[in-house]
Every structure is written in C-alpha cells, then in structure tokens.
Amino acid sequence: MIKKTIFAGLRVLAMFVALCIAVQDARAEGPPRRIVSFNLCADQLLLALADPGQIAGLSPYAVNPLLSVMTDKAASFPRLDWDAESVVNLAPDLVLGGPSHRPIHAMLSAMGIRVVDVALIRNLSDARRQAIEVGTLIGHPERGQALARELERAEARLSGVALKPPRTAMVIQREGYREGPASLVSGMLSIAGLRPPANTSSGSGGFMSAEQGGFVSLEHLLTDGPDVLVLQDPPREAQDQGALFITHPALLARYGANKRIDLPERYTLCGGPPLLQGLDYLANAIKVLR
C-alpha cells in the first residue's frame, strides 16, 4: 500500500514536471506565441488585436452572445474550463486574466507561466490606454493604437449628436438595481448628453452608494424618476420578481419609446470592440429621444 502511494505521488510529480517543461518550451523571446484568455474582456481584445495563430484558448464566456460581441470569431478557438489545469494543458507563454481569478493566477505563476491582469474599464480614456497596452503586450502595437483611434472617433460621433441641453437618465437592471456614475455605461451616457439625476440619496428612492449604485423603488421612478430610463437587456415577460420590476405596465407607460433606451449589457462590460459598438449604438438610440 505504501509503495502504491509513493508510485502514485511520483506519477503526479512527473506529470507536474512535464507540464512545467511544456510551458517553458512554449516560451520564446519576442512577442508571445501562445496566448490564453481567462477573461471576457481579454477574449475580445485578443480577437481584435492578435494573430489567430497566437490565440491558444479563450474563456467560457467567449461564445455567449449576451456577454460578447465577437462570438462568431471566438467559435473556432478552444475554450477553457474554470481551472488552472485547462490553461496549463495549452502550454501558453502568456495568460490574460482578471482580478477575480487570484488563486488560479498564483498556481500558474508558481509554474512559471506569465499572467497579466486585464483591468475593468470605467471610462473612455482608460479604454484607449488599455487597447494600446494590450496591443503592445502581444506584439502588435500598431493594432492597439489603431483601435484606440477608432474608439476616439466613435466617442466623437456620439458627442456630435449629444442631447442639448442634457437630460437626466438612470440605468436600471433587474429588481431595480441602478448603476452608479462610476461605471463605464454612465460614462457613455454622459457623452450622449445624459446625466445622473441629482436626487440620489437613499431617502428619495431607496438606493445606496452614489458612486457604485444600488437599488431604486418603482414608486420613486414613477413619481420622481429621471427624464430617460436606460434598461439593460430588459426581459420581454415577467417570469420572475426581477423581471416584474422592469416589465411593470406603469413603468412602461411612464417611459415610452421616446423616454427609454434599451441598451444591451454586452456593450457596457468591456473596452475594445464592445465599447466601440456600444458608442455607435447609443448615437443611433438617442435620435429617438429628440
């Protein structure tokens, strides 16, 4: 029994060493040759900026049309499981992750794999900077710079049709959750001439943190709500309590087509290609509000 245990341990050790060797063999001087993304936003940046041959694997979110704008491109690439083993098996020389994957990052780093976080984007300036940084990181600085210029032009297009004078707007999700002004979607709306209402204290509507958001009551929206309501991926039917809030007849009557924007959430989660499409989507959407 002891011998079997020892042999089993040796086999596991041998597999670990073999994987480490495979990872080290995949490394080379110059741009990374095998890149794995463990992050929704990194998925889309890679698909936009990397050579197809550089992409060794993408996150499970890469083909979810509710979250990504690049599912067609992503479909031909391997997708990971939510564990370090699925990453190591692809022998990457660069892994792009996010702040929520710290334990996996530690395991990969211990095996000598380079891991770089792709940060959440809160504003357009950060998005342009991120495009340039990721382009440089993967060996295509000119593509990153080109994407940053595209984002700048899309921002200018939205600014050129912005509502004047500005109107108040609130971003509402299921169950009455509202986005705070310290979010990417709020920054996008600001460019479009849509500003958060001033009365955002908990006493006026039941929502919290002025910066990060919170919850707002249906009563507040009906009696003292903003000029424009922005709904992210609104459900068509009230199949649960969360959907009931969004589909309430009184709310839909108060905010008709000329006072409401239905904004897909996939445009507001990441910088890069999703943000590019989201800016143009908003430029078209606000024309209905005039």
C-alpha atoms as a PDB file:
ATOM      1  CA  MET A   1       0.000   0.000   0.000  1.00  0.00           C
ATOM      2  CA  ILE A   2       2.832   2.363   0.909  1.00  0.00           C
ATOM      3  CA  LYS A   3       4.627   1.552  -2.351  1.00  0.00           C
ATOM      4  CA  LYS A   4       1.468   2.215  -4.364  1.00  0.00           C
ATOM      5  CA  THR A   5       1.020   5.571  -2.631  1.00  0.00           C
ATOM      6  CA  ILE A   6       4.624   6.501  -3.343  1.00  0.00           C
ATOM      7  CA  PHE A   7       4.331   5.487  -7.003  1.00  0.00           C
ATOM      8  CA  ALA A   8       1.088   7.464  -7.364  1.00  0.00           C
ATOM      9  CA  GLY A   9       2.763  10.524  -5.877  1.00  0.00           C
ATOM     10  CA  LEU A  10       5.701  10.130  -8.227  1.00  0.00           C
ATOM     11  CA  ARG A  11       3.378   9.925 -11.212  1.00  0.00           C
ATOM     12  CA  VAL A  12       1.646  13.150 -10.176  1.00  0.00           C
ATOM     13  CA  LEU A  13       5.028  14.813  -9.689  1.00  0.00           C
ATOM     14  CA  ALA A  14       6.201  13.584 -13.090  1.00  0.00           C
ATOM     15  CA  MET A  15       3.073  14.994 -14.736  1.00  0.00           C
ATOM     16  CA  PHE A  16       3.610  18.325 -12.991  1.00  0.00           C
ATOM     17  CA  VAL A  17       7.229  18.479 -14.146  1.00  0.00           C
ATOM     18  CA  ALA A  18       6.234  17.549 -17.701  1.00  0.00           C
ATOM     19  CA  LEU A  19       3.663  20.325 -17.771  1.00  0.00           C
ATOM     20  CA  CYS A  20       6.202  22.818 -16.465  1.00  0.00           C
ATOM     21  CA  ILE A  21       8.647  21.772 -19.166  1.00  0.00           C
ATOM     22  CA  ALA A  22       5.937  22.152 -21.805  1.00  0.00           C
ATOM     23  CA  VAL A  23       5.184  25.643 -20.540  1.00  0.00           C
ATOM     24  CA  GLN A  24       8.834  26.628 -20.571  1.00  0.00           C
ATOM     25  CA  ASP A  25       9.303  25.191 -24.069  1.00  0.00           C
ATOM     26  CA  ALA A  26       6.406  27.333 -25.274  1.00  0.00           C
ATOM     27  CA  ARG A  27       8.236  30.477 -24.199  1.00  0.00           C
ATOM     28  CA  ALA A  28      10.390  32.378 -26.660  1.00  0.00           C
ATOM     29  CA  GLU A  29      11.940  35.776 -26.892  1.00  0.00           C
ATOM     30  CA  GLY A  30       9.819  38.392 -28.582  1.00  0.00           C
ATOM     31  CA  PRO A  31       6.013  38.531 -28.760  1.00  0.00           C
ATOM     32  CA  PRO A  32       4.047  35.723 -27.072  1.00  0.00           C
ATOM     33  CA  ARG A  33       3.229  32.849 -29.398  1.00  0.00           C
ATOM     34  CA  ARG A  34       0.556  31.032 -27.346  1.00  0.00           C
ATOM     35  CA  ILE A  35      -1.847  33.319 -25.502  1.00  0.00           C
ATOM     36  CA  VAL A  36      -4.706  32.132 -23.317  1.00  0.00           C
ATOM     37  CA  SER A  37      -7.511  34.404 -22.121  1.00  0.00           C
ATOM     38  CA  PHE A  38      -9.266  33.730 -18.835  1.00  0.00           C
ATOM     39  CA  ASN A  39     -11.310  36.913 -19.045  1.00  0.00           C
ATOM     40  CA  LEU A  40     -14.294  38.097 -21.102  1.00  0.00           C
ATOM     41  CA  CYS A  41     -12.749  41.469 -21.935  1.00  0.00           C
ATOM     42  CA  ALA A  42      -9.381  39.924 -22.798  1.00  0.00           C
ATOM     43  CA  ASP A  43     -11.157  37.475 -25.120  1.00  0.00           C
ATOM     44  CA  GLN A  44     -12.462  40.289 -27.271  1.00  0.00           C
ATOM     45  CA  LEU A  45      -9.244  42.303 -27.222  1.00  0.00           C
ATOM     46  CA  LEU A  46      -7.300  39.247 -28.349  1.00  0.00           C
ATOM     47  CA  LEU A  47      -9.738  38.514 -31.153  1.00  0.00           C
ATOM     48  CA  ALA A  48      -9.401  42.103 -32.330  1.00  0.00           C
ATOM     49  CA  LEU A  49      -5.638  42.549 -31.950  1.00  0.00           C
ATOM     50  CA  ALA A  50      -3.823  39.189 -32.066  1.00  0.00           C
ATOM     51  CA  ASP A  51      -2.946  36.957 -34.983  1.00  0.00           C
ATOM     52  CA  PRO A  52      -5.277  33.917 -34.949  1.00  0.00           C
ATOM     53  CA  GLY A  53      -2.245  31.667 -34.559  1.00  0.00           C
ATOM     54  CA  GLN A  54      -1.333  33.407 -31.299  1.00  0.00           C
ATOM     55  CA  ILE A  55      -4.644  32.538 -29.595  1.00  0.00           C
ATOM     56  CA  ALA A  56      -4.375  29.186 -27.795  1.00  0.00           C
ATOM     57  CA  GLY A  57      -7.629  29.394 -25.829  1.00  0.00           C
ATOM     58  CA  LEU A  58     -10.441  31.673 -24.671  1.00  0.00           C
ATOM     59  CA  SER A  59     -12.682  31.876 -21.625  1.00  0.00           C
ATOM     60  CA  PRO A  60     -16.033  30.023 -21.419  1.00  0.00           C
ATOM     61  CA  TYR A  61     -17.762  33.396 -21.856  1.00  0.00           C
ATOM     62  CA  ALA A  62     -16.270  33.978 -25.307  1.00  0.00           C
ATOM     63  CA  VAL A  63     -19.205  32.443 -27.196  1.00  0.00           C
ATOM     64  CA  ASN A  64     -22.023  33.832 -25.025  1.00  0.00           C
ATOM     65  CA  PRO A  65     -23.928  36.318 -27.229  1.00  0.00           C
ATOM     66  CA  LEU A  66     -25.370  38.090 -24.187  1.00  0.00           C
ATOM     67  CA  LEU A  67     -21.868  38.983 -23.000  1.00  0.00           C
ATOM     68  CA  SER A  68     -19.653  39.173 -26.068  1.00  0.00           C
ATOM     69  CA  VAL A  69     -19.882  40.963 -29.416  1.00  0.00           C
ATOM     70  CA  MET A  70     -17.341  38.622 -31.040  1.00  0.00           C
ATOM     71  CA  THR A  71     -18.892  35.179 -30.673  1.00  0.00           C
ATOM     72  CA  ASP A  72     -18.545  34.329 -34.361  1.00  0.00           C
ATOM     73  CA  LYS A  73     -14.801  34.895 -34.282  1.00  0.00           C
ATOM     74  CA  ALA A  74     -14.449  33.111 -30.952  1.00  0.00           C
ATOM     75  CA  ALA A  75     -16.231  29.945 -32.078  1.00  0.00           C
ATOM     76  CA  SER A  76     -13.192  28.445 -33.804  1.00  0.00           C
ATOM     77  CA  PHE A  77     -10.881  28.631 -30.776  1.00  0.00           C
ATOM     78  CA  PRO A  78     -10.567  26.208 -27.815  1.00  0.00           C
ATOM     79  CA  ARG A  79     -12.363  27.269 -24.642  1.00  0.00           C
ATOM     80  CA  LEU A  80     -11.181  26.795 -21.095  1.00  0.00           C
ATOM     81  CA  ASP A  81     -12.747  25.305 -18.008  1.00  0.00           C
ATOM     82  CA  TRP A  82     -12.626  27.330 -14.795  1.00  0.00           C
ATOM     83  CA  ASP A  83      -9.431  25.695 -13.509  1.00  0.00           C
ATOM     84  CA  ALA A  84      -5.673  26.014 -13.871  1.00  0.00           C
ATOM     85  CA  GLU A  85      -5.293  22.574 -15.484  1.00  0.00           C
ATOM     86  CA  SER A  86      -7.231  23.568 -18.595  1.00  0.00           C
ATOM     87  CA  VAL A  87      -4.861  26.512 -19.013  1.00  0.00           C
ATOM     88  CA  VAL A  88      -1.645  24.572 -18.436  1.00  0.00           C
ATOM     89  CA  ASN A  89      -2.650  21.874 -20.902  1.00  0.00           C
ATOM     90  CA  LEU A  90      -2.483  24.506 -23.666  1.00  0.00           C
ATOM     91  CA  ALA A  91       1.161  25.335 -22.779  1.00  0.00           C
ATOM     92  CA  PRO A  92       0.732  29.125 -23.009  1.00  0.00           C
ATOM     93  CA  ASP A  93       3.520  31.651 -22.708  1.00  0.00           C
ATOM     94  CA  LEU A  94       1.043  34.372 -21.677  1.00  0.00           C
ATOM     95  CA  VAL A  95      -2.258  34.201 -19.793  1.00  0.00           C
ATOM     96  CA  LEU A  96      -4.612  37.177 -19.645  1.00  0.00           C
ATOM     97  CA  GLY A  97      -6.880  37.132 -16.608  1.00  0.00           C
ATOM     98  CA  GLY A  98      -8.817  39.382 -14.283  1.00  0.00           C
ATOM     99  CA  PRO A  99      -8.856  40.446 -10.634  1.00  0.00           C
ATOM    100  CA  SER A 100     -11.339  37.703  -9.654  1.00  0.00           C
ATOM    101  CA  HIS A 101      -9.034  34.816 -10.516  1.00  0.00           C
ATOM    102  CA  ARG A 102      -6.305  35.270  -7.891  1.00  0.00           C
ATOM    103  CA  PRO A 103      -5.983  31.615  -6.732  1.00  0.00           C
ATOM    104  CA  ILE A 104      -5.594  30.396 -10.309  1.00  0.00           C
ATOM    105  CA  HIS A 105      -3.127  33.193 -11.016  1.00  0.00           C
ATOM    106  CA  ALA A 106      -0.997  32.068  -8.097  1.00  0.00           C
ATOM    107  CA  MET A 107      -0.947  28.463  -9.326  1.00  0.00           C
ATOM    108  CA  LEU A 108       0.003  29.468 -12.857  1.00  0.00           C
ATOM    109  CA  SER A 109       2.685  31.882 -11.695  1.00  0.00           C
ATOM    110  CA  ALA A 110       4.185  29.150  -9.493  1.00  0.00           C
ATOM    111  CA  MET A 111       4.584  27.058 -12.647  1.00  0.00           C
ATOM    112  CA  GLY A 112       6.460  29.824 -14.421  1.00  0.00           C
ATOM    113  CA  ILE A 113       3.575  30.997 -16.603  1.00  0.00           C
ATOM    114  CA  ARG A 114       3.331  34.723 -17.167  1.00  0.00           C
ATOM    115  CA  VAL A 115      -0.055  36.084 -16.057  1.00  0.00           C
ATOM    116  CA  VAL A 116      -1.239  39.630 -16.795  1.00  0.00           C
ATOM    117  CA  ASP A 117      -4.491  41.105 -15.489  1.00  0.00           C
ATOM    118  CA  VAL A 118      -6.843  42.926 -17.852  1.00  0.00           C
ATOM    119  CA  ALA A 119      -8.435  45.598 -15.696  1.00  0.00           C
ATOM    120  CA  LEU A 120     -12.081  46.628 -15.684  1.00  0.00           C
ATOM    121  CA  ILE A 121     -12.664  49.795 -17.681  1.00  0.00           C
ATOM    122  CA  ARG A 122     -14.516  52.717 -16.110  1.00  0.00           C
ATOM    123  CA  ASN A 123     -14.087  55.435 -18.753  1.00  0.00           C
ATOM    124  CA  LEU A 124     -13.144  56.090 -22.371  1.00  0.00           C
ATOM    125  CA  SER A 125      -9.645  57.304 -21.566  1.00  0.00           C
ATOM    126  CA  ASP A 126      -8.836  54.032 -19.802  1.00  0.00           C
ATOM    127  CA  ALA A 127     -10.258  52.077 -22.743  1.00  0.00           C
ATOM    128  CA  ARG A 128      -7.960  53.802 -25.226  1.00  0.00           C
ATOM    129  CA  ARG A 129      -4.975  53.267 -22.967  1.00  0.00           C
ATOM    130  CA  GLN A 130      -5.859  49.597 -22.486  1.00  0.00           C
ATOM    131  CA  ALA A 131      -6.093  48.989 -26.251  1.00  0.00           C
ATOM    132  CA  ILE A 132      -2.603  50.390 -26.709  1.00  0.00           C
ATOM    133  CA  GLU A 133      -1.179  48.436 -23.753  1.00  0.00           C
ATOM    134  CA  VAL A 134      -2.647  45.089 -24.840  1.00  0.00           C
ATOM    135  CA  GLY A 135      -1.582  45.647 -28.438  1.00  0.00           C
ATOM    136  CA  THR A 136       1.971  46.298 -27.268  1.00  0.00           C
ATOM    137  CA  LEU A 137       1.908  43.330 -24.879  1.00  0.00           C
ATOM    138  CA  ILE A 138       1.018  40.834 -27.607  1.00  0.00           C
ATOM    139  CA  GLY A 139       3.409  42.259 -30.183  1.00  0.00           C
ATOM    140  CA  HIS A 140       1.033  44.378 -32.273  1.00  0.00           C
ATOM    141  CA  PRO A 141       1.349  47.953 -31.015  1.00  0.00           C
ATOM    142  CA  GLU A 142       0.115  49.402 -34.296  1.00  0.00           C
ATOM    143  CA  ARG A 143      -3.172  47.477 -33.981  1.00  0.00           C
ATOM    144  CA  GLY A 144      -3.667  48.685 -30.420  1.00  0.00           C
ATOM    145  CA  GLN A 145      -3.062  52.270 -31.489  1.00  0.00           C
ATOM    146  CA  ALA A 146      -5.494  51.859 -34.387  1.00  0.00           C
ATOM    147  CA  LEU A 147      -8.186  50.538 -32.033  1.00  0.00           C
ATOM    148  CA  ALA A 148      -7.605  53.474 -29.678  1.00  0.00           C
ATOM    149  CA  ARG A 149      -8.122  55.867 -32.593  1.00  0.00           C
ATOM    150  CA  GLU A 150     -11.331  54.052 -33.563  1.00  0.00           C
ATOM    151  CA  LEU A 151     -12.613  54.465 -30.019  1.00  0.00           C
ATOM    152  CA  GLU A 152     -11.752  58.157 -30.115  1.00  0.00           C
ATOM    153  CA  ARG A 153     -13.642  58.607 -33.391  1.00  0.00           C
ATOM    154  CA  ALA A 154     -16.669  56.713 -32.056  1.00  0.00           C
ATOM    155  CA  GLU A 155     -16.670  58.926 -28.960  1.00  0.00           C
ATOM    156  CA  ALA A 156     -16.581  61.994 -31.211  1.00  0.00           C
ATOM    157  CA  ARG A 157     -19.514  60.667 -33.259  1.00  0.00           C
ATOM    158  CA  LEU A 158     -21.597  60.215 -30.108  1.00  0.00           C
ATOM    159  CA  SER A 159     -20.573  63.601 -28.748  1.00  0.00           C
ATOM    160  CA  GLY A 160     -21.581  65.178 -32.050  1.00  0.00           C
ATOM    161  CA  VAL A 161     -25.203  64.057 -31.643  1.00  0.00           C
ATOM    162  CA  ALA A 162     -25.400  64.511 -27.860  1.00  0.00           C
ATOM    163  CA  LEU A 163     -28.632  65.841 -26.367  1.00  0.00           C
ATOM    164  CA  LYS A 164     -28.574  69.597 -25.752  1.00  0.00           C
ATOM    165  CA  PRO A 165     -29.453  70.640 -23.194  1.00  0.00           C
ATOM    166  CA  PRO A 166     -28.546  67.466 -21.303  1.00  0.00           C
ATOM    167  CA  ARG A 167     -31.274  65.344 -19.745  1.00  0.00           C
ATOM    168  CA  THR A 168     -31.254  63.176 -16.662  1.00  0.00           C
ATOM    169  CA  ALA A 169     -31.008  59.409 -17.051  1.00  0.00           C
ATOM    170  CA  MET A 170     -30.782  56.325 -14.885  1.00  0.00           C
ATOM    171  CA  VAL A 171     -29.526  52.858 -15.831  1.00  0.00           C
ATOM    172  CA  ILE A 172     -31.838  50.198 -14.389  1.00  0.00           C
ATOM    173  CA  GLN A 173     -31.403  46.430 -14.322  1.00  0.00           C
ATOM    174  CA  ARG A 174     -33.481  43.596 -12.891  1.00  0.00           C
ATOM    175  CA  GLU A 175     -35.132  44.120  -9.492  1.00  0.00           C
ATOM    176  CA  GLY A 176     -34.487  47.859  -9.690  1.00  0.00           C
ATOM    177  CA  TYR A 177     -30.711  47.796  -9.437  1.00  0.00           C
ATOM    178  CA  ARG A 178     -29.263  51.054 -10.731  1.00  0.00           C
ATOM    179  CA  GLU A 179     -25.735  51.739 -11.965  1.00  0.00           C
ATOM    180  CA  GLY A 180     -23.778  54.474 -10.231  1.00  0.00           C
ATOM    181  CA  PRO A 181     -21.941  57.254 -12.086  1.00  0.00           C
ATOM    182  CA  ALA A 182     -18.581  55.498 -11.541  1.00  0.00           C
ATOM    183  CA  SER A 183     -19.276  52.945 -14.278  1.00  0.00           C
ATOM    184  CA  LEU A 184     -18.489  52.600 -17.953  1.00  0.00           C
ATOM    185  CA  VAL A 185     -22.132  52.782 -19.015  1.00  0.00           C
ATOM    186  CA  SER A 186     -22.633  56.018 -17.072  1.00  0.00           C
ATOM    187  CA  GLY A 187     -19.575  57.477 -18.787  1.00  0.00           C
ATOM    188  CA  MET A 188     -21.011  56.524 -22.176  1.00  0.00           C
ATOM    189  CA  LEU A 189     -24.340  58.160 -21.339  1.00  0.00           C
ATOM    190  CA  SER A 190     -22.582  61.317 -20.184  1.00  0.00           C
ATOM    191  CA  ILE A 191     -21.027  61.707 -23.639  1.00  0.00           C
ATOM    192  CA  ALA A 192     -24.531  61.344 -25.119  1.00  0.00           C
ATOM    193  CA  GLY A 193     -25.848  64.228 -23.011  1.00  0.00           C
ATOM    194  CA  LEU A 194     -27.492  62.048 -20.364  1.00  0.00           C
ATOM    195  CA  ARG A 195     -26.579  62.849 -16.750  1.00  0.00           C
ATOM    196  CA  PRO A 196     -27.452  61.127 -13.451  1.00  0.00           C
ATOM    197  CA  PRO A 197     -30.257  62.862 -11.520  1.00  0.00           C
ATOM    198  CA  ALA A 198     -29.200  64.941  -8.548  1.00  0.00           C
ATOM    199  CA  ASN A 199     -31.623  63.325  -6.075  1.00  0.00           C
ATOM    200  CA  THR A 200     -29.742  60.065  -5.490  1.00  0.00           C
ATOM    201  CA  SER A 201     -29.822  59.864  -1.695  1.00  0.00           C
ATOM    202  CA  SER A 202     -31.333  56.794  -0.062  1.00  0.00           C
ATOM    203  CA  GLY A 203     -34.170  58.867   1.304  1.00  0.00           C
ATOM    204  CA  SER A 204     -35.524  59.802  -2.118  1.00  0.00           C
ATOM    205  CA  GLY A 205     -35.689  56.396  -3.669  1.00  0.00           C
ATOM    206  CA  GLY A 206     -34.129  53.660  -1.609  1.00  0.00           C
ATOM    207  CA  PHE A 207     -30.823  53.327  -3.413  1.00  0.00           C
ATOM    208  CA  MET A 208     -27.351  53.443  -1.952  1.00  0.00           C
ATOM    209  CA  SER A 209     -23.728  54.367  -2.885  1.00  0.00           C
ATOM    210  CA  ALA A 210     -23.780  57.456  -5.064  1.00  0.00           C
ATOM    211  CA  GLU A 211     -20.707  56.224  -6.941  1.00  0.00           C
ATOM    212  CA  GLN A 212     -21.273  52.474  -7.249  1.00  0.00           C
ATOM    213  CA  GLY A 213     -25.054  52.368  -7.478  1.00  0.00           C
ATOM    214  CA  GLY A 214     -27.692  50.424  -5.558  1.00  0.00           C
ATOM    215  CA  PHE A 215     -31.446  49.933  -5.731  1.00  0.00           C
ATOM    216  CA  VAL A 216     -34.316  52.256  -6.560  1.00  0.00           C
ATOM    217  CA  SER A 217     -38.001  51.696  -5.867  1.00  0.00           C
ATOM    218  CA  LEU A 218     -40.661  51.505  -8.534  1.00  0.00           C
ATOM    219  CA  GLU A 219     -42.592  54.222  -6.705  1.00  0.00           C
ATOM    220  CA  HIS A 220     -39.660  56.609  -6.961  1.00  0.00           C
ATOM    221  CA  LEU A 221     -39.281  56.032 -10.700  1.00  0.00           C
ATOM    222  CA  LEU A 222     -42.974  56.676 -11.254  1.00  0.00           C
ATOM    223  CA  THR A 223     -43.177  59.842  -9.152  1.00  0.00           C
ATOM    224  CA  ASP A 224     -39.717  61.406  -9.254  1.00  0.00           C
ATOM    225  CA  GLY A 225     -37.767  59.461 -11.857  1.00  0.00           C
ATOM    226  CA  PRO A 226     -35.283  60.802 -14.430  1.00  0.00           C
ATOM    227  CA  ASP A 227     -36.137  62.142 -17.886  1.00  0.00           C
ATOM    228  CA  VAL A 228     -34.833  58.977 -19.568  1.00  0.00           C
ATOM    229  CA  LEU A 229     -34.722  55.376 -18.398  1.00  0.00           C
ATOM    230  CA  VAL A 230     -31.953  53.118 -19.708  1.00  0.00           C
ATOM    231  CA  LEU A 231     -32.799  49.408 -19.435  1.00  0.00           C
ATOM    232  CA  GLN A 232     -30.080  46.799 -19.891  1.00  0.00           C
ATOM    233  CA  ASP A 233     -31.256  43.608 -21.617  1.00  0.00           C
ATOM    234  CA  PRO A 234     -34.853  44.117 -20.442  1.00  0.00           C
ATOM    235  CA  PRO A 235     -36.939  40.912 -20.286  1.00  0.00           C
ATOM    236  CA  ARG A 236     -39.991  40.674 -22.513  1.00  0.00           C
ATOM    237  CA  GLU A 237     -42.156  38.860 -19.950  1.00  0.00           C
ATOM    238  CA  ALA A 238     -42.480  38.949 -16.158  1.00  0.00           C
ATOM    239  CA  GLN A 239     -41.385  35.382 -15.430  1.00  0.00           C
ATOM    240  CA  ASP A 240     -39.940  36.247 -12.007  1.00  0.00           C
ATOM    241  CA  GLN A 241     -39.803  39.112  -9.495  1.00  0.00           C
ATOM    242  CA  GLY A 242     -36.715  40.653 -11.076  1.00  0.00           C
ATOM    243  CA  ALA A 243     -38.390  40.793 -14.473  1.00  0.00           C
ATOM    244  CA  LEU A 244     -41.659  42.043 -12.968  1.00  0.00           C
ATOM    245  CA  PHE A 245     -40.000  45.303 -11.945  1.00  0.00           C
ATOM    246  CA  ILE A 246     -38.756  46.011 -15.478  1.00  0.00           C
ATOM    247  CA  THR A 247     -41.943  44.947 -17.250  1.00  0.00           C
ATOM    248  CA  HIS A 248     -44.432  46.648 -14.913  1.00  0.00           C
ATOM    249  CA  PRO A 249     -47.156  48.280 -17.044  1.00  0.00           C
ATOM    250  CA  ALA A 250     -46.990  51.546 -15.083  1.00  0.00           C
ATOM    251  CA  LEU A 251     -43.248  51.842 -15.667  1.00  0.00           C
ATOM    252  CA  LEU A 252     -43.585  51.143 -19.396  1.00  0.00           C
ATOM    253  CA  ALA A 253     -46.399  53.695 -19.636  1.00  0.00           C
ATOM    254  CA  ARG A 254     -44.316  56.314 -17.813  1.00  0.00           C
ATOM    255  CA  TYR A 255     -41.303  55.639 -20.028  1.00  0.00           C
ATOM    256  CA  GLY A 256     -42.455  55.151 -23.595  1.00  0.00           C
ATOM    257  CA  ALA A 257     -40.203  54.723 -26.615  1.00  0.00           C
ATOM    258  CA  ASN A 258     -39.228  58.417 -26.637  1.00  0.00           C
ATOM    259  CA  LYS A 259     -38.143  58.275 -22.971  1.00  0.00           C
ATOM    260  CA  ARG A 260     -36.396  54.917 -22.854  1.00  0.00           C
ATOM    261  CA  ILE A 261     -33.256  53.276 -24.255  1.00  0.00           C
ATOM    262  CA  ASP A 262     -32.910  49.507 -24.312  1.00  0.00           C
ATOM    263  CA  LEU A 263     -29.145  49.036 -24.107  1.00  0.00           C
ATOM    264  CA  PRO A 264     -27.620  45.526 -24.419  1.00  0.00           C
ATOM    265  CA  GLU A 265     -25.298  44.867 -21.497  1.00  0.00           C
ATOM    266  CA  ARG A 266     -22.620  43.342 -23.751  1.00  0.00           C
ATOM    267  CA  TYR A 267     -21.825  46.874 -24.963  1.00  0.00           C
ATOM    268  CA  THR A 268     -21.074  48.150 -21.449  1.00  0.00           C
ATOM    269  CA  LEU A 269     -18.964  45.413 -19.839  1.00  0.00           C
ATOM    270  CA  CYS A 270     -15.607  45.906 -21.567  1.00  0.00           C
ATOM    271  CA  GLY A 271     -13.463  48.306 -23.531  1.00  0.00           C
ATOM    272  CA  GLY A 272     -12.240  47.479 -27.019  1.00  0.00           C
ATOM    273  CA  PRO A 273     -14.697  46.160 -29.647  1.00  0.00           C
ATOM    274  CA  PRO A 274     -17.783  46.071 -27.349  1.00  0.00           C
ATOM    275  CA  LEU A 275     -17.342  49.704 -26.370  1.00  0.00           C
ATOM    276  CA  LEU A 276     -16.780  50.665 -29.996  1.00  0.00           C
ATOM    277  CA  GLN A 277     -20.104  49.114 -30.978  1.00  0.00           C
ATOM    278  CA  GLY A 278     -21.835  50.477 -27.877  1.00  0.00           C
ATOM    279  CA  LEU A 279     -20.896  54.082 -28.637  1.00  0.00           C
ATOM    280  CA  ASP A 280     -22.370  53.845 -32.130  1.00  0.00           C
ATOM    281  CA  TYR A 281     -25.441  52.033 -30.786  1.00  0.00           C
ATOM    282  CA  LEU A 282     -26.083  54.920 -28.378  1.00  0.00           C
ATOM    283  CA  ALA A 283     -25.558  57.501 -31.128  1.00  0.00           C
ATOM    284  CA  ASN A 284     -28.450  55.908 -33.008  1.00  0.00           C
ATOM    285  CA  ALA A 285     -30.589  55.295 -29.931  1.00  0.00           C
ATOM    286  CA  ILE A 286     -30.671  58.881 -28.688  1.00  0.00           C
ATOM    287  CA  LYS A 287     -32.079  60.117 -32.012  1.00  0.00           C
ATOM    288  CA  VAL A 288     -35.439  58.666 -30.901  1.00  0.00           C
ATOM    289  CA  LEU A 289     -35.353  60.860 -27.773  1.00  0.00           C
ATOM    290  CA  ARG A 290     -35.295  64.162 -29.638  1.00  0.00           C
END
